[in-house]
Amino acid sequence: MVIKVDDLTGSAIIQLVSEHLQGMTEHSPPESIHALNLEELKQPEITFWSLWEHDELMGCGALKELNGTHGEVKSMRTSTSHLRKGVARRLLEHIIEEAERRGYKRISLETGSMDAFEPARRLYASFGFQYGEPFSDYTEDPNSVFMTKELQGR
């Protein structure tokens, strides 16, 4: 598996981000969807990665800088044909390593509270993310769960 910074212009990544957004609309009410579209993912404070095996896109994920010590995990998605192969685990490892390299003291995320998001919540918990309060511009929402991990920084 190879992880690379992605400029979000390739057809495969455009399709995967579209699939991600579609999945969010299937499982979350419109007011509780916090997934970013292609243009929003191109903001300068966001680094977006794609994970490939040979020429096949397996997944994606992003890290948004909230400030100099706090980052947010965004747009974690595994391609449907590559579920249960360790793609999300490898991407999350990479994102955490990058957050530590940048010197962040913590990394946070928002995910859904519904059953469809249970595998994601288990993955995040397995990496030491703890349930917590809304952060950044988020507010309390019964459809959202907020998780944070304290980092060592480098």
Protein backbone atom coordinates (compact mmCIF):
# COMPACT_ATOMS: atom_id res chain seq x y z
CA MET A 1 0.00 0.00 0.00
CA VAL A 2 1.31 3.41 -1.01
CA ILE A 3 0.00 6.63 0.53
CA LYS A 4 0.44 9.86 -1.40
CA VAL A 5 -0.70 13.46 -1.14
CA ASP A 6 -3.56 13.77 -3.60
CA ASP A 7 -4.60 16.88 -5.55
CA LEU A 8 -8.20 15.63 -5.87
CA THR A 9 -8.27 15.84 -9.66
CA GLY A 10 -8.10 12.17 -10.69
CA SER A 11 -11.29 10.39 -11.72
CA ALA A 12 -10.83 7.59 -9.16
CA ILE A 13 -10.51 9.98 -6.21
CA ILE A 14 -13.38 12.14 -7.47
CA GLN A 15 -15.53 8.99 -7.54
CA LEU A 16 -14.44 7.91 -4.04
CA VAL A 17 -15.18 11.34 -2.53
CA SER A 18 -18.57 11.25 -4.26
CA GLU A 19 -19.21 7.79 -2.79
CA HIS A 20 -18.20 9.14 0.63
CA LEU A 21 -20.64 12.04 0.39
CA GLN A 22 -23.41 9.72 -0.83
CA GLY A 23 -22.80 7.43 2.13
CA MET A 24 -23.12 10.36 4.49
CA THR A 25 -26.48 11.36 2.99
CA GLU A 26 -27.74 7.79 3.37
CA HIS A 27 -26.92 7.61 7.08
CA SER A 28 -27.18 11.17 8.38
CA PRO A 29 -29.78 13.93 8.26
CA PRO A 30 -28.67 16.90 6.10
CA GLU A 31 -28.05 19.20 9.07
CA SER A 32 -25.66 16.63 10.59
CA ILE A 33 -23.44 15.98 7.56
CA HIS A 34 -19.97 17.39 8.16
CA ALA A 35 -18.21 15.70 5.23
CA LEU A 36 -16.39 18.05 2.86
CA ASN A 37 -16.86 18.17 -0.90
CA LEU A 38 -13.98 18.29 -3.40
CA GLU A 39 -13.60 22.07 -3.35
CA GLU A 40 -13.73 22.22 0.44
CA LEU A 41 -11.05 19.52 0.65
CA LYS A 42 -8.73 21.75 -1.42
CA GLN A 43 -8.50 24.38 1.34
CA PRO A 44 -4.86 25.18 2.23
CA GLU A 45 -5.26 24.01 5.83
CA ILE A 46 -6.21 20.50 4.64
CA THR A 47 -3.78 17.81 3.52
CA PHE A 48 -5.54 15.04 1.62
CA TRP A 49 -4.05 11.59 1.04
CA SER A 50 -5.06 8.64 -1.10
CA LEU A 51 -3.94 5.06 -0.54
CA TRP A 52 -3.14 2.88 -3.53
CA GLU A 53 -2.15 -0.68 -4.29
CA HIS A 54 -0.52 -0.66 -7.71
CA ASP A 55 -2.94 1.45 -9.79
CA GLU A 56 -6.03 0.73 -7.67
CA LEU A 57 -7.40 3.34 -5.26
CA MET A 58 -8.14 1.74 -1.90
CA GLY A 59 -9.03 4.67 0.32
CA CYS A 60 -8.51 8.25 1.40
CA GLY A 61 -8.23 10.47 4.43
CA ALA A 62 -7.31 14.03 5.35
CA LEU A 63 -5.88 16.13 8.14
CA LYS A 64 -7.15 19.66 8.74
CA GLU A 65 -5.07 22.06 10.79
CA LEU A 66 -7.36 23.76 13.29
CA ASN A 67 -4.47 25.67 14.87
CA GLY A 68 -0.78 25.10 15.51
CA THR A 69 -1.41 22.40 18.12
CA HIS A 70 -4.70 20.80 17.06
CA GLY A 71 -5.65 18.83 13.95
CA GLU A 72 -8.85 17.20 12.74
CA VAL A 73 -9.22 13.89 10.91
CA LYS A 74 -11.46 14.38 7.84
CA SER A 75 -12.81 12.33 4.95
CA MET A 76 -11.74 8.85 6.03
CA ARG A 77 -13.13 6.46 3.44
CA THR A 78 -12.28 2.97 2.24
CA SER A 79 -13.30 1.95 -1.25
CA THR A 80 -16.17 -0.54 -1.06
CA SER A 81 -14.11 -3.19 -2.86
CA HIS A 82 -11.33 -2.94 -0.24
CA LEU A 83 -13.24 -3.08 3.04
CA ARG A 84 -11.70 -5.15 5.88
CA LYS A 85 -8.20 -5.08 4.37
CA GLY A 86 -6.61 -2.67 6.85
CA VAL A 87 -6.94 0.39 4.61
CA ALA A 88 -8.54 2.67 7.22
CA ARG A 89 -6.10 1.48 9.88
CA ARG A 90 -3.11 2.28 7.66
CA LEU A 91 -4.51 5.71 6.72
CA LEU A 92 -5.24 6.59 10.33
CA GLU A 93 -1.72 5.56 11.36
CA HIS A 94 -0.37 7.85 8.65
CA ILE A 95 -2.56 10.79 9.70
CA ILE A 96 -1.59 10.42 13.36
CA GLU A 97 2.10 10.18 12.46
CA GLU A 98 1.81 13.36 10.39
CA ALA A 99 -0.03 15.17 13.19
CA GLU A 100 2.76 14.21 15.60
CA ARG A 101 5.42 15.24 13.09
CA ARG A 102 3.74 18.66 12.86
CA GLY A 103 3.88 18.97 16.63
CA TYR A 104 0.16 18.86 17.27
CA LYS A 105 -0.76 18.19 20.88
CA ARG A 106 -4.08 16.61 19.97
CA ILE A 107 -6.09 15.34 17.06
CA SER A 108 -9.89 15.23 17.00
CA LEU A 109 -12.69 14.02 14.79
CA GLU A 110 -16.43 14.03 14.34
CA THR A 111 -18.27 10.93 13.20
CA GLY A 112 -21.83 9.73 13.21
CA SER A 113 -23.63 8.33 16.25
CA MET A 114 -25.72 5.91 14.18
CA ASP A 115 -25.06 2.16 13.89
CA ALA A 116 -23.54 2.56 10.41
CA PHE A 117 -20.63 4.44 12.01
CA GLU A 118 -19.91 1.84 14.71
CA PRO A 119 -16.96 0.27 12.83
CA ALA A 120 -15.36 3.72 12.50
CA ARG A 121 -15.86 4.48 16.19
CA ARG A 122 -14.29 1.13 17.12
CA LEU A 123 -11.31 1.86 14.87
CA TYR A 124 -10.77 5.30 16.42
CA ALA A 125 -11.11 3.91 19.95
CA SER A 126 -8.52 1.22 19.14
CA PHE A 127 -6.05 4.04 18.40
CA GLY A 128 -6.72 5.70 21.76
CA PHE A 129 -9.30 8.28 20.73
CA GLN A 130 -11.57 9.20 23.65
CA TYR A 131 -15.16 10.41 23.46
CA GLY A 132 -15.47 14.09 24.26
CA GLU A 133 -17.15 17.40 23.70
CA PRO A 134 -17.63 19.28 20.42
CA PHE A 135 -14.50 21.09 19.27
CA SER A 136 -13.74 23.87 16.80
CA ASP A 137 -17.00 25.07 15.19
CA TYR A 138 -19.03 21.95 16.03
CA THR A 139 -22.02 22.06 18.38
CA GLU A 140 -23.84 19.34 20.32
CA ASP A 141 -25.74 17.11 17.90
CA PRO A 142 -27.44 13.79 18.74
CA ASN A 143 -26.28 12.50 15.33
CA SER A 144 -22.59 13.27 16.01
CA VAL A 145 -19.92 11.77 18.20
CA PHE A 146 -16.73 13.71 18.98
CA MET A 147 -13.45 11.96 19.73
CA THR A 148 -10.00 13.27 20.64
CA LYS A 149 -6.54 11.78 21.06
CA GLU A 150 -3.74 13.47 22.96
CA LEU A 151 -0.44 13.38 21.06
CA GLN A 152 3.20 13.58 22.03
CA GLY A 153 4.26 15.81 19.13
CA ARG A 154 7.82 15.76 17.84
